Amino acid sequence: MRINRILQEKTRAEQSEIDLSLLDSVIEKSRGKKGNVIPLLQAAQAFYGYLPDVVFERLEHELGISKSQMYGVATFYSQFRLSPVGKHIIKVCHGTACHVQNATELSEYLSEALNVNDGETTEDRMFTLESVACLGCCSLAPVIMIGDEVFGKLDGNAAVKIINEIKLKEKQ
């Protein structure tokens, strides 16, 4: 199950707020070197949390790497994000063990509670909901992971309760 990670249309106003000077040191280290697309994109994503279109433009202008080459890498590897993500990324495992234990129910309940589809971020940028192939916690199936914390043996109501508890903590 692959998440649609294609860049959604963003306004220039949102992109103009991005401080591209953060890339200066990375660009200088990469100047004249071949095979540096992945480390460049990793560094850029570390700065911004995702890869804004203006980053591709800057790297193309400064280093001569084509946008199509960078987009090809960014869309091939699942580690790269082309749109902003929420503060809390909810990964719902859909591996075999979780699938058999009704991970689809977890995804549906969370999607409804957050009012987002798989791969989307809530309007307040608090949560991003993602389906993943496997989290490696098969004995706890079905499983979700939020940040570094794993929650297992869930049903839809329990998953939504976890989200509501996070919302309450954020308000304090």
Protein backbone atom coordinates (compact mmCIF):
# COMPACT_ATOMS: atom_id res chain seq x y z
CA MET A 1 0.00 0.00 0.00
CA ARG A 2 1.84 3.08 -1.25
CA ILE A 3 0.95 6.51 0.03
CA ASN A 4 0.44 9.19 -2.55
CA ARG A 5 3.30 11.59 -1.84
CA ILE A 6 3.13 13.74 -4.97
CA LEU A 7 3.56 17.44 -4.31
CA GLN A 8 0.31 19.23 -3.67
CA GLU A 9 -0.04 22.71 -5.10
CA LYS A 10 1.27 25.32 -2.68
CA THR A 11 1.05 29.05 -2.87
CA ARG A 12 4.17 31.12 -3.39
CA ALA A 13 3.35 32.95 -0.16
CA GLU A 14 3.82 29.76 1.89
CA GLN A 15 7.05 28.95 0.08
CA SER A 16 8.46 32.47 0.38
CA GLU A 17 8.53 32.14 4.18
CA ILE A 18 11.15 29.39 3.92
CA ASP A 19 14.66 30.42 4.96
CA LEU A 20 16.80 29.10 2.11
CA SER A 21 19.99 30.34 3.77
CA LEU A 22 19.89 27.16 5.86
CA LEU A 23 21.04 25.34 2.72
CA ASP A 24 24.19 27.47 2.22
CA SER A 25 26.62 25.23 4.11
CA VAL A 26 25.22 22.06 2.52
CA ILE A 27 25.48 23.59 -0.95
CA GLU A 28 29.09 24.64 -0.37
CA LYS A 29 30.07 21.14 0.80
CA SER A 30 28.40 19.61 -2.27
CA ARG A 31 29.71 21.97 -4.93
CA GLY A 32 31.54 20.03 -7.64
CA LYS A 33 30.79 16.61 -6.17
CA LYS A 34 28.89 13.88 -8.02
CA GLY A 35 26.33 11.52 -6.53
CA ASN A 36 25.18 13.90 -3.83
CA VAL A 37 21.44 14.08 -4.50
CA ILE A 38 20.31 11.84 -1.63
CA PRO A 39 22.48 13.54 1.04
CA LEU A 40 21.39 16.96 -0.23
CA LEU A 41 17.72 16.07 -0.03
CA GLN A 42 18.20 14.47 3.39
CA ALA A 43 19.86 17.62 4.70
CA ALA A 44 17.16 19.85 3.23
CA GLN A 45 14.41 17.72 4.74
CA ALA A 46 16.17 17.82 8.11
CA PHE A 47 15.98 21.63 7.98
CA TYR A 48 12.39 22.02 6.79
CA GLY A 49 10.66 18.76 7.74
CA TYR A 50 9.80 18.19 4.08
CA LEU A 51 11.11 19.21 0.65
CA PRO A 52 9.52 22.48 -0.45
CA ASP A 53 9.55 23.24 -4.18
CA VAL A 54 11.76 26.29 -3.61
CA VAL A 55 14.48 23.95 -2.29
CA PHE A 56 14.53 22.10 -5.60
CA GLU A 57 14.76 25.43 -7.43
CA ARG A 58 17.64 26.61 -5.25
CA LEU A 59 19.60 23.36 -5.61
CA GLU A 60 19.04 23.36 -9.36
CA HIS A 61 20.26 26.96 -9.63
CA GLU A 62 23.26 26.55 -7.31
CA LEU A 63 24.45 23.06 -8.21
CA GLY A 64 23.04 22.41 -11.67
CA ILE A 65 21.16 19.28 -10.62
CA SER A 66 17.98 19.04 -12.65
CA LYS A 67 14.66 19.24 -10.86
CA SER A 68 13.53 16.10 -12.64
CA GLN A 69 16.49 14.17 -11.24
CA MET A 70 15.80 15.42 -7.70
CA TYR A 71 12.06 14.73 -7.97
CA GLY A 72 12.86 11.27 -9.30
CA VAL A 73 14.91 10.52 -6.19
CA ALA A 74 12.45 12.21 -3.81
CA THR A 75 9.45 10.29 -5.15
CA PHE A 76 11.28 6.95 -5.34
CA TYR A 77 12.43 6.82 -1.72
CA SER A 78 9.70 6.80 0.93
CA GLN A 79 11.91 8.71 3.40
CA PHE A 80 11.32 11.94 1.49
CA ARG A 81 8.25 14.12 1.91
CA LEU A 82 7.01 16.66 -0.60
CA SER A 83 4.46 18.30 1.65
CA PRO A 84 4.49 19.40 5.29
CA VAL A 85 3.75 16.77 7.92
CA GLY A 86 2.10 17.06 11.28
CA LYS A 87 3.82 17.35 14.60
CA HIS A 88 2.73 13.77 15.31
CA ILE A 89 3.04 11.19 12.54
CA ILE A 90 0.69 8.27 13.08
CA LYS A 91 1.92 5.16 11.30
CA VAL A 92 -0.64 2.40 10.99
CA CYS A 93 0.95 -0.97 10.30
CA HIS A 94 -0.65 -2.92 7.46
CA GLY A 95 1.78 -5.85 7.45
CA THR A 96 0.38 -9.36 7.32
CA ALA A 97 -0.12 -9.85 11.07
CA CYS A 98 -1.74 -6.43 11.49
CA HIS A 99 -3.86 -6.84 8.38
CA VAL A 100 -5.22 -10.15 9.67
CA GLN A 101 -5.97 -8.47 13.03
CA ASN A 102 -7.99 -5.73 11.27
CA ALA A 103 -5.56 -2.84 10.81
CA THR A 104 -8.00 -1.49 8.22
CA GLU A 105 -10.41 -0.72 11.07
CA LEU A 106 -7.70 1.31 12.83
CA SER A 107 -7.04 3.33 9.68
CA GLU A 108 -10.74 3.96 9.12
CA TYR A 109 -11.38 5.08 12.70
CA LEU A 110 -8.33 7.34 12.75
CA SER A 111 -9.17 8.79 9.35
CA GLU A 112 -12.66 9.63 10.52
CA ALA A 113 -11.53 11.04 13.89
CA LEU A 114 -8.86 13.25 12.27
CA ASN A 115 -10.89 14.07 9.15
CA VAL A 116 -7.99 13.15 6.85
CA ASN A 117 -7.26 10.39 4.38
CA ASP A 118 -4.22 8.16 4.35
CA GLY A 119 -1.10 10.24 3.68
CA GLU A 120 -2.74 13.54 4.66
CA THR A 121 -2.09 16.03 7.43
CA THR A 122 -4.72 17.71 9.60
CA GLU A 123 -5.37 21.39 8.90
CA ASP A 124 -3.77 22.38 12.21
CA ARG A 125 -0.67 20.34 11.24
CA MET A 126 -0.95 18.39 14.47
CA PHE A 127 -1.27 14.90 12.91
CA THR A 128 -0.27 13.07 9.74
CA LEU A 129 -1.85 9.68 9.08
CA GLU A 130 0.21 7.10 7.19
CA SER A 131 -0.19 3.45 6.30
CA VAL A 132 3.10 1.56 6.41
CA ALA A 133 4.05 -1.91 5.22
CA CYS A 134 5.40 -3.22 8.54
CA LEU A 135 6.53 -1.86 11.89
CA GLY A 136 8.07 -5.14 13.02
CA CYS A 137 5.86 -5.55 16.09
CA CYS A 138 3.85 -8.51 14.84
CA SER A 139 3.20 -9.99 18.28
CA LEU A 140 1.35 -6.77 19.20
CA ALA A 141 -0.86 -6.68 16.09
CA PRO A 142 -2.60 -4.51 15.15
CA VAL A 143 -0.13 -1.72 15.84
CA ILE A 144 0.25 2.02 15.40
CA MET A 145 3.35 4.07 16.02
CA ILE A 146 3.30 7.73 16.97
CA GLY A 147 6.76 9.24 17.03
CA ASP A 148 8.90 6.58 18.70
CA GLU A 149 6.09 5.07 20.76
CA VAL A 150 4.36 1.84 19.72
CA PHE A 151 0.76 1.05 20.68
CA GLY A 152 -0.42 -2.51 20.16
CA LYS A 153 -3.38 -4.84 20.40
CA LEU A 154 -5.69 -1.97 19.46
CA ASP A 155 -9.16 -1.64 18.09
CA GLY A 156 -10.51 1.49 16.41
CA ASN A 157 -11.86 3.03 19.61
CA ALA A 158 -8.59 2.52 21.49
CA ALA A 159 -6.64 4.14 18.65
CA VAL A 160 -8.91 7.19 18.65
CA LYS A 161 -8.60 7.41 22.46
CA ILE A 162 -4.80 7.66 22.09
CA ILE A 163 -5.20 10.53 19.62
CA ASN A 164 -7.63 12.33 21.93
CA GLU A 165 -5.17 11.97 24.84
CA ILE A 166 -2.43 13.56 22.71
CA LYS A 167 -4.79 16.42 21.82
CA LEU A 168 -5.51 17.00 25.52
CA LYS A 169 -1.80 17.04 26.41
CA GLU A 170 -1.13 19.55 23.61
CA LYS A 171 -3.76 21.94 24.97
CA GLN A 172 -2.14 22.05 28.42
